[in-house]
N, C-alpha and C. Protein backbone atom coordinates (compact mmCIF):
# COMPACT_ATOMS: atom_id res chain seq x y z
N MET A 1 0.85 -1.18 0.00
CA MET A 1 0.00 0.00 0.00
C MET A 1 0.89 1.24 0.00
N LEU A 2 0.54 2.23 -0.77
CA LEU A 2 1.27 3.49 -0.81
C LEU A 2 0.87 4.36 0.39
N LYS A 3 1.79 5.25 0.79
CA LYS A 3 1.54 6.10 1.96
C LYS A 3 0.26 6.93 1.80
N LYS A 4 0.09 7.53 0.62
CA LYS A 4 -1.09 8.38 0.40
C LYS A 4 -2.38 7.59 0.60
N GLN A 5 -2.41 6.39 0.05
CA GLN A 5 -3.60 5.55 0.18
C GLN A 5 -3.79 5.13 1.65
N ALA A 6 -2.71 4.76 2.33
CA ALA A 6 -2.81 4.36 3.74
C ALA A 6 -3.32 5.51 4.59
N ARG A 7 -2.86 6.73 4.31
CA ARG A 7 -3.34 7.89 5.07
C ARG A 7 -4.85 8.04 4.92
N GLU A 8 -5.32 7.94 3.70
CA GLU A 8 -6.76 8.10 3.45
C GLU A 8 -7.56 6.99 4.11
N VAL A 9 -7.15 5.74 3.91
CA VAL A 9 -7.89 4.59 4.42
C VAL A 9 -7.92 4.59 5.95
N TYR A 10 -6.76 4.79 6.58
CA TYR A 10 -6.70 4.66 8.03
C TYR A 10 -7.20 5.90 8.76
N ARG A 11 -7.11 7.06 8.15
CA ARG A 11 -7.74 8.24 8.75
C ARG A 11 -9.25 8.04 8.78
N LYS A 12 -9.81 7.53 7.68
CA LYS A 12 -11.26 7.27 7.60
C LYS A 12 -11.66 6.19 8.61
N LYS A 13 -10.91 5.10 8.69
CA LYS A 13 -11.23 4.03 9.63
C LYS A 13 -11.21 4.55 11.07
N ARG A 14 -10.22 5.40 11.38
CA ARG A 14 -10.13 5.93 12.74
C ARG A 14 -11.31 6.84 13.06
N MET A 15 -11.71 7.66 12.07
CA MET A 15 -12.82 8.58 12.29
C MET A 15 -14.16 7.85 12.44
N GLU A 16 -14.25 6.64 11.90
CA GLU A 16 -15.48 5.87 11.99
C GLU A 16 -15.65 5.16 13.33
N LEU A 17 -14.61 5.12 14.14
CA LEU A 17 -14.72 4.47 15.45
C LEU A 17 -15.63 5.29 16.36
N THR A 18 -16.44 4.61 17.14
CA THR A 18 -17.29 5.29 18.11
C THR A 18 -16.47 5.69 19.33
N ASP A 19 -17.01 6.56 20.15
CA ASP A 19 -16.32 6.94 21.39
C ASP A 19 -16.09 5.72 22.27
N ALA A 20 -17.07 4.83 22.34
CA ALA A 20 -16.93 3.62 23.15
C ALA A 20 -15.79 2.74 22.62
N GLN A 21 -15.68 2.64 21.30
CA GLN A 21 -14.58 1.86 20.72
C GLN A 21 -13.23 2.49 21.04
N HIS A 22 -13.15 3.82 20.96
CA HIS A 22 -11.90 4.51 21.31
C HIS A 22 -11.48 4.17 22.73
N LEU A 23 -12.40 4.29 23.66
CA LEU A 23 -12.08 4.02 25.07
C LEU A 23 -11.66 2.57 25.27
N LYS A 24 -12.39 1.66 24.66
CA LYS A 24 -12.07 0.23 24.78
C LYS A 24 -10.69 -0.06 24.18
N PHE A 25 -10.42 0.44 22.99
CA PHE A 25 -9.14 0.19 22.34
C PHE A 25 -7.99 0.82 23.12
N ASP A 26 -8.20 2.03 23.67
CA ASP A 26 -7.16 2.65 24.49
C ASP A 26 -6.84 1.78 25.71
N ASP A 27 -7.88 1.26 26.36
CA ASP A 27 -7.67 0.38 27.53
C ASP A 27 -6.94 -0.89 27.14
N LEU A 28 -7.33 -1.49 26.02
CA LEU A 28 -6.66 -2.71 25.56
C LEU A 28 -5.19 -2.44 25.19
N MET A 29 -4.94 -1.28 24.59
CA MET A 29 -3.55 -0.94 24.25
C MET A 29 -2.73 -0.70 25.51
N LEU A 30 -3.34 -0.11 26.52
CA LEU A 30 -2.61 0.09 27.78
C LEU A 30 -2.21 -1.27 28.37
N ILE A 31 -3.10 -2.24 28.33
CA ILE A 31 -2.77 -3.58 28.83
C ILE A 31 -1.62 -4.17 28.03
N GLN A 32 -1.67 -4.03 26.71
CA GLN A 32 -0.58 -4.53 25.86
C GLN A 32 0.73 -3.82 26.21
N PHE A 33 0.66 -2.50 26.37
CA PHE A 33 1.86 -1.71 26.68
C PHE A 33 2.45 -2.12 28.03
N GLN A 34 1.59 -2.31 29.01
CA GLN A 34 2.05 -2.71 30.34
C GLN A 34 2.71 -4.08 30.33
N SER A 35 2.34 -4.93 29.38
CA SER A 35 2.90 -6.29 29.35
C SER A 35 4.22 -6.37 28.57
N THR A 36 4.63 -5.28 27.94
CA THR A 36 5.92 -5.31 27.22
C THR A 36 7.06 -5.24 28.22
N LYS A 37 8.20 -5.70 27.79
CA LYS A 37 9.39 -5.72 28.65
C LYS A 37 10.27 -4.51 28.36
N LEU A 38 9.71 -3.33 28.56
CA LEU A 38 10.48 -2.11 28.33
C LEU A 38 11.51 -1.94 29.44
N PRO A 39 12.70 -1.48 29.08
CA PRO A 39 13.69 -1.21 30.13
C PRO A 39 13.29 0.04 30.93
N PHE A 40 13.93 0.22 32.05
CA PHE A 40 13.73 1.40 32.87
C PHE A 40 14.27 2.60 32.09
N VAL A 41 13.46 3.62 31.90
CA VAL A 41 13.89 4.80 31.16
C VAL A 41 13.72 6.05 32.02
N GLU A 42 14.53 7.04 31.72
CA GLU A 42 14.49 8.29 32.48
C GLU A 42 14.02 9.49 31.67
N THR A 43 14.03 9.38 30.32
CA THR A 43 13.63 10.51 29.48
C THR A 43 12.75 10.02 28.34
N LEU A 44 11.55 10.59 28.24
CA LEU A 44 10.55 10.22 27.26
C LEU A 44 10.14 11.44 26.45
N LEU A 45 10.02 11.27 25.14
CA LEU A 45 9.35 12.25 24.29
C LEU A 45 7.99 11.67 23.96
N SER A 46 6.95 12.23 24.52
CA SER A 46 5.58 11.79 24.26
C SER A 46 4.96 12.77 23.27
N TYR A 47 3.68 12.70 23.07
CA TYR A 47 2.96 13.72 22.32
C TYR A 47 1.52 13.76 22.83
N TRP A 48 0.92 14.92 22.73
CA TRP A 48 -0.46 15.13 23.14
C TRP A 48 -1.36 14.63 22.02
N PRO A 49 -2.27 13.70 22.28
CA PRO A 49 -3.12 13.19 21.20
C PRO A 49 -4.03 14.29 20.64
N ILE A 50 -4.10 14.36 19.33
CA ILE A 50 -4.95 15.36 18.67
C ILE A 50 -6.37 14.80 18.62
N GLU A 51 -7.24 15.42 19.39
CA GLU A 51 -8.63 14.94 19.51
C GLU A 51 -9.33 14.91 18.16
N GLU A 52 -9.11 15.94 17.36
CA GLU A 52 -9.78 16.04 16.06
C GLU A 52 -9.36 14.90 15.11
N ASN A 53 -8.20 14.31 15.37
CA ASN A 53 -7.71 13.20 14.55
C ASN A 53 -8.03 11.84 15.16
N HIS A 54 -8.71 11.87 16.32
CA HIS A 54 -9.09 10.63 17.03
C HIS A 54 -7.86 9.75 17.29
N GLU A 55 -6.78 10.37 17.75
CA GLU A 55 -5.56 9.62 18.03
C GLU A 55 -5.68 8.82 19.33
N PRO A 56 -4.92 7.75 19.44
CA PRO A 56 -4.89 7.00 20.70
C PRO A 56 -4.49 7.91 21.87
N ASN A 57 -5.01 7.60 23.05
CA ASN A 57 -4.77 8.41 24.24
C ASN A 57 -3.38 8.14 24.82
N THR A 58 -2.39 8.84 24.32
CA THR A 58 -1.01 8.66 24.77
C THR A 58 -0.81 9.05 26.23
N HIS A 59 -1.73 9.83 26.79
CA HIS A 59 -1.59 10.19 28.21
C HIS A 59 -1.58 8.92 29.08
N LEU A 60 -2.35 7.91 28.71
CA LEU A 60 -2.39 6.66 29.47
C LEU A 60 -1.01 6.00 29.53
N PHE A 61 -0.31 5.97 28.40
CA PHE A 61 0.99 5.30 28.32
C PHE A 61 2.07 6.13 29.01
N THR A 62 1.96 7.44 28.89
CA THR A 62 2.89 8.33 29.58
C THR A 62 2.75 8.18 31.09
N GLU A 63 1.50 8.16 31.55
CA GLU A 63 1.27 8.03 33.00
C GLU A 63 1.75 6.68 33.52
N PHE A 64 1.60 5.62 32.74
CA PHE A 64 2.11 4.32 33.16
C PHE A 64 3.63 4.38 33.35
N LEU A 65 4.34 4.99 32.39
CA LEU A 65 5.80 5.10 32.54
C LEU A 65 6.16 5.97 33.73
N LYS A 66 5.38 7.02 33.99
CA LYS A 66 5.64 7.87 35.17
C LYS A 66 5.37 7.11 36.46
N PHE A 67 4.40 6.20 36.45
CA PHE A 67 4.13 5.37 37.62
C PHE A 67 5.34 4.47 37.90
N ARG A 68 5.90 3.89 36.82
CA ARG A 68 7.08 3.03 36.97
C ARG A 68 8.31 3.81 37.43
N ASN A 69 8.41 5.07 37.00
CA ASN A 69 9.54 5.90 37.36
C ASN A 69 9.04 7.32 37.66
N PRO A 70 8.77 7.62 38.93
CA PRO A 70 8.26 8.94 39.28
C PRO A 70 9.21 10.09 38.89
N GLU A 71 10.48 9.77 38.68
CA GLU A 71 11.46 10.79 38.29
C GLU A 71 11.56 10.95 36.77
N LEU A 72 10.71 10.27 36.02
CA LEU A 72 10.76 10.32 34.56
C LEU A 72 10.66 11.75 34.06
N ARG A 73 11.57 12.12 33.18
CA ARG A 73 11.50 13.44 32.54
C ARG A 73 10.66 13.26 31.28
N VAL A 74 9.52 13.96 31.21
CA VAL A 74 8.61 13.84 30.08
C VAL A 74 8.72 15.10 29.23
N CYS A 75 8.99 14.87 27.95
CA CYS A 75 9.11 15.97 27.00
C CYS A 75 7.96 15.88 26.00
N TYR A 76 7.65 17.02 25.40
CA TYR A 76 6.66 17.10 24.34
C TYR A 76 7.26 17.88 23.19
N PRO A 77 6.83 17.58 21.96
CA PRO A 77 7.40 18.28 20.81
C PRO A 77 6.86 19.69 20.65
N VAL A 78 7.72 20.56 20.16
CA VAL A 78 7.34 21.89 19.72
C VAL A 78 7.80 21.99 18.27
N SER A 79 6.86 22.27 17.38
CA SER A 79 7.14 22.25 15.94
C SER A 79 7.37 23.65 15.41
N ASP A 80 8.27 23.73 14.43
CA ASP A 80 8.52 24.96 13.69
C ASP A 80 8.12 24.69 12.25
N PHE A 81 6.99 25.24 11.83
CA PHE A 81 6.46 24.95 10.50
C PHE A 81 7.18 25.73 9.40
N GLU A 82 7.99 26.72 9.76
CA GLU A 82 8.79 27.40 8.74
C GLU A 82 9.97 26.55 8.31
N THR A 83 10.63 25.91 9.29
CA THR A 83 11.80 25.08 8.98
C THR A 83 11.45 23.60 8.90
N MET A 84 10.18 23.26 9.22
CA MET A 84 9.70 21.86 9.23
C MET A 84 10.56 21.00 10.15
N THR A 85 10.88 21.55 11.32
CA THR A 85 11.65 20.83 12.33
C THR A 85 10.89 20.88 13.65
N MET A 86 11.35 20.06 14.58
CA MET A 86 10.76 20.08 15.92
C MET A 86 11.86 19.92 16.95
N ARG A 87 11.52 20.26 18.18
CA ARG A 87 12.43 20.06 19.30
C ARG A 87 11.63 19.50 20.46
N ALA A 88 12.33 18.80 21.36
CA ALA A 88 11.69 18.24 22.55
C ALA A 88 11.84 19.23 23.69
N VAL A 89 10.75 19.49 24.40
CA VAL A 89 10.76 20.43 25.52
C VAL A 89 10.34 19.68 26.78
N SER A 90 11.15 19.77 27.81
CA SER A 90 10.88 19.12 29.08
C SER A 90 9.71 19.81 29.78
N THR A 91 8.83 19.00 30.38
CA THR A 91 7.65 19.54 31.04
C THR A 91 7.55 18.99 32.46
N ASP A 92 6.66 19.58 33.24
CA ASP A 92 6.29 19.05 34.54
C ASP A 92 4.79 19.29 34.73
N VAL A 93 4.27 18.98 35.90
CA VAL A 93 2.82 19.08 36.11
C VAL A 93 2.31 20.51 35.99
N ASP A 94 3.20 21.50 36.14
CA ASP A 94 2.77 22.90 36.07
C ASP A 94 2.97 23.54 34.69
N THR A 95 3.51 22.80 33.75
CA THR A 95 3.77 23.37 32.43
C THR A 95 2.47 23.62 31.69
N PRO A 96 2.25 24.86 31.24
CA PRO A 96 1.04 25.13 30.45
C PRO A 96 1.23 24.65 29.01
N PHE A 97 0.13 24.21 28.41
CA PHE A 97 0.11 23.79 27.01
C PHE A 97 -0.86 24.70 26.26
N GLU A 98 -0.57 24.89 24.98
CA GLU A 98 -1.42 25.72 24.14
C GLU A 98 -1.66 25.00 22.82
N LYS A 99 -2.90 25.06 22.33
CA LYS A 99 -3.21 24.43 21.04
C LYS A 99 -2.67 25.33 19.93
N LYS A 100 -1.82 24.74 19.09
CA LYS A 100 -1.16 25.49 18.03
C LYS A 100 -1.61 24.99 16.66
N GLU A 101 -0.76 25.19 15.67
CA GLU A 101 -1.05 24.80 14.30
C GLU A 101 -1.41 23.31 14.21
N LEU A 102 -2.36 22.99 13.35
CA LEU A 102 -2.87 21.63 13.13
C LEU A 102 -3.44 20.99 14.40
N ASN A 103 -3.90 21.83 15.33
CA ASN A 103 -4.51 21.39 16.59
C ASN A 103 -3.55 20.64 17.50
N ILE A 104 -2.27 20.93 17.39
CA ILE A 104 -1.25 20.27 18.20
C ILE A 104 -1.07 21.04 19.51
N HIS A 105 -1.23 20.34 20.63
CA HIS A 105 -0.97 20.95 21.93
C HIS A 105 0.54 20.94 22.18
N GLU A 106 1.10 22.12 22.47
CA GLU A 106 2.53 22.24 22.71
C GLU A 106 2.77 22.95 24.03
N PRO A 107 3.85 22.57 24.73
CA PRO A 107 4.19 23.28 25.96
C PRO A 107 4.62 24.71 25.64
N THR A 108 4.23 25.65 26.50
CA THR A 108 4.62 27.05 26.29
C THR A 108 5.82 27.43 27.15
N GLY A 109 6.31 26.50 27.95
CA GLY A 109 7.49 26.74 28.76
C GLY A 109 8.29 25.46 28.83
N GLY A 110 9.41 25.50 29.51
CA GLY A 110 10.24 24.32 29.67
C GLY A 110 11.55 24.46 28.92
N SER A 111 12.47 23.57 29.21
CA SER A 111 13.78 23.62 28.58
C SER A 111 13.89 22.59 27.47
N VAL A 112 14.68 22.91 26.46
CA VAL A 112 14.89 22.01 25.33
C VAL A 112 15.79 20.86 25.75
N VAL A 113 15.42 19.66 25.35
CA VAL A 113 16.20 18.46 25.60
C VAL A 113 16.73 17.99 24.24
N VAL A 114 18.03 17.79 24.14
CA VAL A 114 18.62 17.39 22.87
C VAL A 114 18.23 15.94 22.56
N PRO A 115 18.11 15.60 21.27
CA PRO A 115 17.68 14.25 20.88
C PRO A 115 18.55 13.15 21.47
N GLU A 116 19.83 13.41 21.65
CA GLU A 116 20.75 12.41 22.18
C GLU A 116 20.41 11.98 23.60
N MET A 117 19.60 12.76 24.31
CA MET A 117 19.23 12.44 25.69
C MET A 117 17.97 11.56 25.79
N LEU A 118 17.27 11.39 24.69
CA LEU A 118 16.00 10.65 24.73
C LEU A 118 16.24 9.15 24.73
N GLU A 119 15.49 8.45 25.58
CA GLU A 119 15.58 7.00 25.66
C GLU A 119 14.38 6.30 25.03
N ILE A 120 13.25 7.00 24.97
CA ILE A 120 12.05 6.45 24.36
C ILE A 120 11.26 7.59 23.74
N VAL A 121 10.71 7.33 22.54
CA VAL A 121 9.92 8.34 21.84
C VAL A 121 8.61 7.69 21.40
N PHE A 122 7.50 8.33 21.75
CA PHE A 122 6.19 7.92 21.24
C PHE A 122 6.01 8.64 19.90
N VAL A 123 5.77 7.86 18.85
CA VAL A 123 5.72 8.40 17.49
C VAL A 123 4.30 8.30 16.95
N PRO A 124 3.70 9.42 16.55
CA PRO A 124 2.35 9.36 16.01
C PRO A 124 2.33 8.66 14.65
N LEU A 125 1.19 8.02 14.34
CA LEU A 125 1.07 7.34 13.06
C LEU A 125 -0.39 7.16 12.70
N LEU A 126 -0.61 6.91 11.42
CA LEU A 126 -1.94 6.54 10.93
C LEU A 126 -2.00 5.05 10.62
N ALA A 127 -0.87 4.49 10.17
CA ALA A 127 -0.79 3.06 9.85
C ALA A 127 0.67 2.65 9.97
N PHE A 128 0.90 1.33 10.06
CA PHE A 128 2.27 0.81 10.09
C PHE A 128 2.29 -0.52 9.37
N ASP A 129 3.51 -0.94 8.99
CA ASP A 129 3.59 -2.20 8.26
C ASP A 129 4.30 -3.27 9.08
N GLU A 130 4.37 -4.46 8.53
CA GLU A 130 4.92 -5.61 9.25
C GLU A 130 6.42 -5.52 9.50
N SER A 131 7.07 -4.52 8.92
CA SER A 131 8.51 -4.29 9.16
C SER A 131 8.75 -3.16 10.14
N GLY A 132 7.68 -2.54 10.63
CA GLY A 132 7.83 -1.47 11.61
C GLY A 132 7.86 -0.07 11.02
N TYR A 133 7.70 0.05 9.71
CA TYR A 133 7.66 1.38 9.11
C TYR A 133 6.25 1.94 9.27
N ARG A 134 6.17 3.25 9.39
CA ARG A 134 4.87 3.86 9.68
C ARG A 134 4.51 4.88 8.62
N VAL A 135 3.24 5.17 8.58
CA VAL A 135 2.72 6.27 7.78
C VAL A 135 2.24 7.31 8.76
N GLY A 136 2.89 8.47 8.74
CA GLY A 136 2.48 9.58 9.60
C GLY A 136 1.55 10.51 8.83
N TYR A 137 1.59 11.77 9.21
CA TYR A 137 0.71 12.75 8.58
C TYR A 137 1.34 13.40 7.35
N GLY A 138 2.58 13.03 7.04
CA GLY A 138 3.18 13.46 5.79
C GLY A 138 4.05 14.69 5.83
N LYS A 139 4.34 15.22 7.00
CA LYS A 139 5.17 16.42 7.09
C LYS A 139 6.65 16.09 7.32
N GLY A 140 6.96 14.89 7.81
CA GLY A 140 8.35 14.48 7.99
C GLY A 140 9.01 14.94 9.27
N PHE A 141 8.28 15.57 10.18
CA PHE A 141 8.86 16.07 11.42
C PHE A 141 9.58 14.97 12.21
N TYR A 142 8.88 13.86 12.42
CA TYR A 142 9.43 12.81 13.27
C TYR A 142 10.60 12.09 12.63
N ASP A 143 10.52 11.77 11.35
CA ASP A 143 11.64 11.07 10.72
C ASP A 143 12.91 11.93 10.77
N LYS A 144 12.77 13.24 10.53
CA LYS A 144 13.93 14.14 10.64
C LYS A 144 14.47 14.14 12.07
N TYR A 145 13.57 14.22 13.03
CA TYR A 145 13.99 14.29 14.44
C TYR A 145 14.62 12.98 14.89
N LEU A 146 13.99 11.86 14.55
CA LEU A 146 14.49 10.55 14.99
C LEU A 146 15.86 10.23 14.43
N ALA A 147 16.21 10.81 13.30
CA ALA A 147 17.53 10.58 12.71
C ALA A 147 18.65 11.07 13.64
N ASP A 148 18.33 12.02 14.55
CA ASP A 148 19.31 12.55 15.49
C ASP A 148 19.28 11.88 16.86
N CYS A 149 18.33 10.99 17.07
CA CYS A 149 18.24 10.27 18.34
C CYS A 149 19.24 9.12 18.35
N PRO A 150 19.69 8.70 19.55
CA PRO A 150 20.61 7.57 19.61
C PRO A 150 19.97 6.30 19.05
N GLU A 151 20.79 5.43 18.52
CA GLU A 151 20.29 4.18 17.92
C GLU A 151 19.50 3.36 18.93
N GLU A 152 19.92 3.39 20.21
CA GLU A 152 19.24 2.59 21.23
C GLU A 152 17.94 3.23 21.74
N CYS A 153 17.61 4.43 21.28
CA CYS A 153 16.34 5.07 21.65
C CYS A 153 15.20 4.21 21.12
N ILE A 154 14.24 3.90 21.99
CA ILE A 154 13.12 3.03 21.64
C ILE A 154 12.00 3.87 21.03
N LYS A 155 11.63 3.55 19.81
CA LYS A 155 10.59 4.28 19.08
C LYS A 155 9.31 3.45 19.12
N VAL A 156 8.26 4.02 19.73
CA VAL A 156 7.02 3.30 19.98
C VAL A 156 5.86 3.98 19.27
N GLY A 157 5.07 3.18 18.55
CA GLY A 157 3.85 3.67 17.93
C GLY A 157 2.64 3.02 18.56
N PHE A 158 1.49 3.65 18.39
CA PHE A 158 0.22 3.13 18.91
C PHE A 158 -0.81 3.19 17.78
N SER A 159 -1.44 2.07 17.51
CA SER A 159 -2.39 2.00 16.40
C SER A 159 -3.63 1.23 16.82
N TYR A 160 -4.79 1.74 16.44
CA TYR A 160 -6.02 1.01 16.69
C TYR A 160 -6.18 -0.19 15.77
N PHE A 161 -5.32 -0.26 14.73
CA PHE A 161 -5.47 -1.28 13.71
C PHE A 161 -4.19 -2.09 13.55
N GLU A 162 -4.34 -3.30 13.05
CA GLU A 162 -3.21 -4.20 12.83
C GLU A 162 -2.37 -3.70 11.65
N PRO A 163 -1.14 -4.21 11.48
CA PRO A 163 -0.28 -3.69 10.40
C PRO A 163 -0.75 -4.09 9.01
N ILE A 164 -0.38 -3.25 8.05
CA ILE A 164 -0.53 -3.61 6.66
C ILE A 164 0.71 -4.41 6.27
N PRO A 165 0.65 -5.22 5.23
CA PRO A 165 1.83 -6.03 4.88
C PRO A 165 3.08 -5.19 4.61
N SER A 166 2.94 -4.14 3.79
CA SER A 166 4.12 -3.36 3.43
C SER A 166 3.74 -1.96 2.97
N ILE A 167 4.57 -0.99 3.35
CA ILE A 167 4.46 0.36 2.80
C ILE A 167 5.39 0.37 1.59
N GLU A 168 4.80 0.46 0.41
CA GLU A 168 5.56 0.26 -0.82
C GLU A 168 6.47 1.43 -1.19
N ASP A 169 6.13 2.64 -0.76
CA ASP A 169 6.92 3.79 -1.18
C ASP A 169 7.73 4.41 -0.04
N ARG A 170 8.21 3.58 0.87
CA ARG A 170 9.07 4.14 1.92
C ARG A 170 10.41 4.53 1.28
N ASN A 171 11.14 5.42 1.98
CA ASN A 171 12.41 5.88 1.44
C ASN A 171 13.51 5.79 2.48
N GLU A 172 14.72 6.16 2.11
CA GLU A 172 15.87 5.99 3.01
C GLU A 172 15.80 6.87 4.25
N PHE A 173 14.93 7.88 4.25
CA PHE A 173 14.82 8.76 5.41
C PHE A 173 13.79 8.26 6.43
N ASP A 174 12.98 7.28 6.06
CA ASP A 174 11.97 6.74 6.96
C ASP A 174 12.65 5.95 8.08
N VAL A 175 12.28 6.24 9.31
CA VAL A 175 12.85 5.57 10.48
C VAL A 175 11.83 4.58 11.02
N PRO A 176 12.17 3.29 11.10
CA PRO A 176 11.20 2.31 11.58
C PRO A 176 11.00 2.38 13.10
N LEU A 177 9.86 1.88 13.52
CA LEU A 177 9.56 1.75 14.95
C LEU A 177 10.32 0.55 15.51
N ASP A 178 10.50 0.54 16.82
CA ASP A 178 11.02 -0.64 17.52
C ASP A 178 9.88 -1.46 18.10
N LEU A 179 8.75 -0.78 18.35
CA LEU A 179 7.61 -1.40 19.01
C LEU A 179 6.35 -0.70 18.53
N CYS A 180 5.30 -1.46 18.26
CA CYS A 180 4.00 -0.85 17.96
C CYS A 180 2.93 -1.61 18.72
N ILE A 181 2.11 -0.86 19.42
CA ILE A 181 1.06 -1.41 20.27
C ILE A 181 -0.28 -1.27 19.57
N THR A 182 -1.02 -2.37 19.49
CA THR A 182 -2.39 -2.34 19.00
C THR A 182 -3.28 -2.92 20.12
N PRO A 183 -4.59 -2.85 19.98
CA PRO A 183 -5.43 -3.45 21.02
C PRO A 183 -5.21 -4.96 21.19
N GLN A 184 -4.76 -5.63 20.14
CA GLN A 184 -4.60 -7.08 20.21
C GLN A 184 -3.16 -7.55 20.40
N ASN A 185 -2.18 -6.74 20.04
CA ASN A 185 -0.79 -7.20 20.03
C ASN A 185 0.20 -6.11 20.37
N ALA A 186 1.40 -6.57 20.73
CA ALA A 186 2.56 -5.69 20.88
C ALA A 186 3.58 -6.22 19.87
N TYR A 187 3.81 -5.46 18.81
CA TYR A 187 4.74 -5.86 17.75
C TYR A 187 6.13 -5.33 18.06
N VAL A 188 7.11 -6.22 18.08
CA VAL A 188 8.50 -5.85 18.30
C VAL A 188 9.23 -6.02 16.98
N PHE A 189 9.96 -4.97 16.57
CA PHE A 189 10.66 -5.00 15.29
C PHE A 189 12.17 -5.01 15.50
């Protein structure tokens, strides 16, 4: 399947889910995530789920990691649409967030954390394939950013749907996931 087609198909499938299905799938994904053998991590780049896109509730997974490590440093992305780049900003319980371009909630304060410091990154996606490659929203922010993260940084995706066999038009800049959580499975790549 080509990326453009996957974006259309899986965006539509996600929008067709009922609120009850969203809640059920989020709970099932949390159970799958909790059962993975993730190492102890100290620095996470998460993202705020975009409600209008019906994204999985990443707050559940972030809170689980914070429960495992109360000292976990949680970062959120701040995007620059002029340069098509992003940076990770460290947050705490008092950090204010503001809805910005494309309905993305971003922290309005906090310090920048360099990619080399990240141990785990939650990566947004619309679909993924059996090799761990994903289809995002098409802007390239995450693939550019992940290229600067350490090789041992764990890249995690969350999908309401099972993988497609293959993304046919991936390129050398696409960075595969290490783990993708669905309601039924935890895929390790």
